[in-house]
Structures are given as structure tokens and as C-alpha cells.
Amino acid sequence: MKRGFFLLAVVAGSAAAQTPSDGKTLFAKNCAACHQADGRGIPGAFPALVASPVVTGAPVDAAEVLLKGRGGMPAFSGSLDDLEIAQVLTYARSSWGNKAGAVSGAEVEAQRSALGVAPPNRSRFGNKH
């Protein structure tokens, strides 16, 4: 019985570990194809996040870009919740030599509300990415 319980715990732990729950994983899934895993982007197509004044500036400005999109970048407001956006921003703001502070889910939630952006749609048809 103990062995069965241990196996169940290991399987449950493995499933939880595969769930995107941190900024690096979320960045890899949602952002790296364009901005590259090293944050350097693709010149002329996708801007670098390294030393970007938008990324390292005011958290509300960076949150607005993810919530509403900009230029050819899609909005992530429908597919990522406030905590997930905060995790992605915190990762980008503290990676590749960037030294900006963390962003909280509450800050993103406040910006979402200020901009009048709808909450994410978690239906199987709600993810635009």
C-alpha cells in the first residue's frame, strides 16, 4: 500500500511539474519564438527584450503591452491570467542582464482594470496563440 501511494505521489508530482507555473516556462511557450530564448529578438522583425526600456521601465507600461499587444505582437490578455503575465514580466525584467524588479499579479490586475481589458477566456476556443 505504501508503494502504491508513493507511485501516485510521484505521478501527481510529475504532472504538476509539467504545468507552466513560472515565468521562464511561460516565456518559452508564449514569447521565445519571436523574442528568442536569449531575449535578443530578431532585428527588423521582433524587438530585443535585453535592455529594453519598455521591459525594464514602469511595470504598468510593460503590462499594457502584454495585455493589449503592440504593433504585430498579439495581446495575451485572453490567454494568460494576471499572475501569469506578472510571472512572464518578472522573468524578462530579471533575465539577460536586465535588473528591473518583480511585477505582481495585483499590478497586472490593476492595469487590466484601468485599461478595461476583459479577463482571460479559459475555454478551449479562447486561446488566440
C-alpha atoms as a PDB file:
ATOM      1  CA  MET A   1       0.000   0.000   0.000  1.00  0.00           C
ATOM      2  CA  LYS A   2       2.796   2.422   0.802  1.00  0.00           C
ATOM      3  CA  ARG A   3       4.431   1.672  -2.543  1.00  0.00           C
ATOM      4  CA  GLY A   4       1.179   2.458  -4.404  1.00  0.00           C
ATOM      5  CA  PHE A   5       0.789   5.726  -2.524  1.00  0.00           C
ATOM      6  CA  PHE A   6       4.401   6.677  -3.322  1.00  0.00           C
ATOM      7  CA  LEU A   7       3.879   5.917  -7.020  1.00  0.00           C
ATOM      8  CA  LEU A   8       0.707   8.009  -7.066  1.00  0.00           C
ATOM      9  CA  ALA A   9       2.555  10.907  -5.426  1.00  0.00           C
ATOM     10  CA  VAL A  10       5.382  10.683  -7.974  1.00  0.00           C
ATOM     11  CA  VAL A  11       2.933  10.655 -10.899  1.00  0.00           C
ATOM     12  CA  ALA A  12       0.991  13.589  -9.440  1.00  0.00           C
ATOM     13  CA  GLY A  13       4.235  15.489  -8.835  1.00  0.00           C
ATOM     14  CA  SER A  14       5.348  14.879 -12.424  1.00  0.00           C
ATOM     15  CA  ALA A  15       2.086  16.238 -13.790  1.00  0.00           C
ATOM     16  CA  ALA A  16       2.380  19.335 -11.615  1.00  0.00           C
ATOM     17  CA  ALA A  17       5.965  19.871 -12.755  1.00  0.00           C
ATOM     18  CA  GLN A  18       4.803  19.893 -16.382  1.00  0.00           C
ATOM     19  CA  THR A  19       2.265  22.648 -15.753  1.00  0.00           C
ATOM     20  CA  PRO A  20       3.573  26.087 -16.801  1.00  0.00           C
ATOM     21  CA  SER A  21       3.831  27.817 -13.455  1.00  0.00           C
ATOM     22  CA  ASP A  22       6.833  30.076 -13.700  1.00  0.00           C
ATOM     23  CA  GLY A  23       7.905  32.947 -15.889  1.00  0.00           C
ATOM     24  CA  LYS A  24      10.660  31.091 -17.706  1.00  0.00           C
ATOM     25  CA  THR A  25       8.332  28.295 -18.795  1.00  0.00           C
ATOM     26  CA  LEU A  26       5.615  30.741 -19.795  1.00  0.00           C
ATOM     27  CA  PHE A  27       8.144  32.845 -21.709  1.00  0.00           C
ATOM     28  CA  ALA A  28       9.393  29.777 -23.577  1.00  0.00           C
ATOM     29  CA  LYS A  29       5.846  28.801 -24.512  1.00  0.00           C
ATOM     30  CA  ASN A  30       4.474  32.234 -25.431  1.00  0.00           C
ATOM     31  CA  CYS A  31       7.320  34.610 -26.253  1.00  0.00           C
ATOM     32  CA  ALA A  32      10.566  32.887 -27.226  1.00  0.00           C
ATOM     33  CA  ALA A  33       9.517  32.065 -30.798  1.00  0.00           C
ATOM     34  CA  CYS A  34       9.623  35.770 -31.617  1.00  0.00           C
ATOM     35  CA  HIS A  35      11.799  37.360 -28.938  1.00  0.00           C
ATOM     36  CA  GLN A  36      14.159  34.330 -28.817  1.00  0.00           C
ATOM     37  CA  ALA A  37      15.171  32.360 -25.736  1.00  0.00           C
ATOM     38  CA  ASP A  38      18.047  34.791 -25.129  1.00  0.00           C
ATOM     39  CA  GLY A  39      15.761  37.848 -25.304  1.00  0.00           C
ATOM     40  CA  ARG A  40      17.668  39.323 -28.263  1.00  0.00           C
ATOM     41  CA  GLY A  41      14.724  39.214 -30.672  1.00  0.00           C
ATOM     42  CA  ILE A  42      15.154  39.194 -34.442  1.00  0.00           C
ATOM     43  CA  PRO A  43      16.439  42.510 -35.800  1.00  0.00           C
ATOM     44  CA  GLY A  44      13.909  44.199 -38.057  1.00  0.00           C
ATOM     45  CA  ALA A  45      11.147  41.794 -37.056  1.00  0.00           C
ATOM     46  CA  PHE A  46      10.863  41.290 -33.285  1.00  0.00           C
ATOM     47  CA  PRO A  47      12.399  43.699 -30.772  1.00  0.00           C
ATOM     48  CA  ALA A  48      15.016  42.667 -28.250  1.00  0.00           C
ATOM     49  CA  LEU A  49      13.932  42.484 -24.633  1.00  0.00           C
ATOM     50  CA  VAL A  50      17.532  42.825 -23.445  1.00  0.00           C
ATOM     51  CA  ALA A  51      17.988  46.348 -22.039  1.00  0.00           C
ATOM     52  CA  SER A  52      14.574  47.314 -23.401  1.00  0.00           C
ATOM     53  CA  PRO A  53      13.226  50.475 -21.757  1.00  0.00           C
ATOM     54  CA  VAL A  54       9.711  49.034 -22.035  1.00  0.00           C
ATOM     55  CA  VAL A  55      10.702  45.816 -20.263  1.00  0.00           C
ATOM     56  CA  THR A  56      12.842  47.481 -17.604  1.00  0.00           C
ATOM     57  CA  GLY A  57      10.699  50.608 -17.193  1.00  0.00           C
ATOM     58  CA  ALA A  58       7.430  51.041 -15.350  1.00  0.00           C
ATOM     59  CA  PRO A  59       5.708  47.688 -14.763  1.00  0.00           C
ATOM     60  CA  VAL A  60       2.355  49.112 -15.879  1.00  0.00           C
ATOM     61  CA  ASP A  61       3.786  50.002 -19.302  1.00  0.00           C
ATOM     62  CA  ALA A  62       5.165  46.502 -19.823  1.00  0.00           C
ATOM     63  CA  ALA A  63       1.884  45.002 -18.586  1.00  0.00           C
ATOM     64  CA  GLU A  64      -0.051  47.141 -21.061  1.00  0.00           C
ATOM     65  CA  VAL A  65       1.970  45.734 -23.963  1.00  0.00           C
ATOM     66  CA  LEU A  66       1.173  42.159 -22.943  1.00  0.00           C
ATOM     67  CA  LEU A  67      -2.472  42.954 -22.205  1.00  0.00           C
ATOM     68  CA  LYS A  68      -3.219  44.911 -25.402  1.00  0.00           C
ATOM     69  CA  GLY A  69      -0.442  43.910 -27.804  1.00  0.00           C
ATOM     70  CA  ARG A  70       1.638  46.349 -29.828  1.00  0.00           C
ATOM     71  CA  GLY A  71       2.486  46.571 -33.495  1.00  0.00           C
ATOM     72  CA  GLY A  72       2.490  42.981 -34.748  1.00  0.00           C
ATOM     73  CA  MET A  73       2.585  41.482 -31.260  1.00  0.00           C
ATOM     74  CA  PRO A  74      -0.699  39.921 -30.199  1.00  0.00           C
ATOM     75  CA  ALA A  75      -2.447  40.671 -26.937  1.00  0.00           C
ATOM     76  CA  PHE A  76      -2.024  37.971 -24.314  1.00  0.00           C
ATOM     77  CA  SER A  77      -4.936  39.197 -22.181  1.00  0.00           C
ATOM     78  CA  GLY A  78      -7.218  36.429 -23.425  1.00  0.00           C
ATOM     79  CA  SER A  79      -4.806  33.570 -22.891  1.00  0.00           C
ATOM     80  CA  LEU A  80      -2.751  34.484 -19.813  1.00  0.00           C
ATOM     81  CA  ASP A  81      -4.170  35.490 -16.451  1.00  0.00           C
ATOM     82  CA  ASP A  82      -2.787  38.355 -14.370  1.00  0.00           C
ATOM     83  CA  LEU A  83      -0.423  36.178 -12.339  1.00  0.00           C
ATOM     84  CA  GLU A  84       0.951  34.504 -15.475  1.00  0.00           C
ATOM     85  CA  ILE A  85       1.565  37.886 -17.130  1.00  0.00           C
ATOM     86  CA  ALA A  86       3.295  39.046 -13.939  1.00  0.00           C
ATOM     87  CA  GLN A  87       5.485  35.921 -13.977  1.00  0.00           C
ATOM     88  CA  VAL A  88       6.499  36.457 -17.621  1.00  0.00           C
ATOM     89  CA  LEU A  89       7.271  40.113 -16.968  1.00  0.00           C
ATOM     90  CA  THR A  90       9.245  39.332 -13.825  1.00  0.00           C
ATOM     91  CA  TYR A  91      11.281  36.771 -15.769  1.00  0.00           C
ATOM     92  CA  ALA A  92      12.015  39.195 -18.624  1.00  0.00           C
ATOM     93  CA  ARG A  93      12.785  42.056 -16.227  1.00  0.00           C
ATOM     94  CA  SER A  94      15.380  39.949 -14.371  1.00  0.00           C
ATOM     95  CA  SER A  95      16.941  37.961 -17.248  1.00  0.00           C
ATOM     96  CA  TRP A  96      19.687  38.561 -19.844  1.00  0.00           C
ATOM     97  CA  GLY A  97      21.312  41.256 -17.725  1.00  0.00           C
ATOM     98  CA  ASN A  98      18.064  43.152 -17.065  1.00  0.00           C
ATOM     99  CA  LYS A  99      17.904  44.281 -13.451  1.00  0.00           C
ATOM    100  CA  ALA A 100      14.343  45.539 -13.003  1.00  0.00           C
ATOM    101  CA  GLY A 101      12.129  44.496 -10.101  1.00  0.00           C
ATOM    102  CA  ALA A 102       9.414  41.899  -9.950  1.00  0.00           C
ATOM    103  CA  VAL A 103       5.851  42.541 -11.096  1.00  0.00           C
ATOM    104  CA  SER A 104       2.918  41.315  -9.029  1.00  0.00           C
ATOM    105  CA  GLY A 105      -0.328  39.825 -10.206  1.00  0.00           C
ATOM    106  CA  ALA A 106      -2.103  42.674  -8.397  1.00  0.00           C
ATOM    107  CA  GLU A 107      -0.226  45.251 -10.504  1.00  0.00           C
ATOM    108  CA  VAL A 108      -1.251  43.489 -13.706  1.00  0.00           C
ATOM    109  CA  GLU A 109      -4.824  43.124 -12.449  1.00  0.00           C
ATOM    110  CA  ALA A 110      -4.981  46.864 -11.709  1.00  0.00           C
ATOM    111  CA  GLN A 111      -3.632  47.691 -15.182  1.00  0.00           C
ATOM    112  CA  ARG A 112      -6.100  45.274 -16.808  1.00  0.00           C
ATOM    113  CA  SER A 113      -8.919  47.028 -14.957  1.00  0.00           C
ATOM    114  CA  ALA A 114      -7.621  50.527 -15.790  1.00  0.00           C
ATOM    115  CA  LEU A 115      -7.426  49.617 -19.483  1.00  0.00           C
ATOM    116  CA  GLY A 116     -10.854  47.940 -19.469  1.00  0.00           C
ATOM    117  CA  VAL A 117      -9.354  44.680 -20.785  1.00  0.00           C
ATOM    118  CA  ALA A 118     -11.531  41.598 -20.350  1.00  0.00           C
ATOM    119  CA  PRO A 119     -10.295  38.686 -18.223  1.00  0.00           C
ATOM    120  CA  PRO A 120      -8.763  35.651 -19.931  1.00  0.00           C
ATOM    121  CA  ASN A 121     -11.053  33.174 -21.615  1.00  0.00           C
ATOM    122  CA  ARG A 122     -10.100  29.680 -20.478  1.00  0.00           C
ATOM    123  CA  SER A 123     -12.362  27.850 -22.899  1.00  0.00           C
ATOM    124  CA  ARG A 124     -10.668  25.651 -25.453  1.00  0.00           C
ATOM    125  CA  PHE A 125     -11.544  28.267 -28.082  1.00  0.00           C
ATOM    126  CA  GLY A 126     -10.316  31.259 -26.060  1.00  0.00           C
ATOM    127  CA  ASN A 127      -6.575  30.967 -26.596  1.00  0.00           C
ATOM    128  CA  LYS A 128      -5.532  33.027 -29.629  1.00  0.00           C
ATOM    129  CA  HIS A 129      -1.936  31.756 -29.547  1.00  0.00           C
END
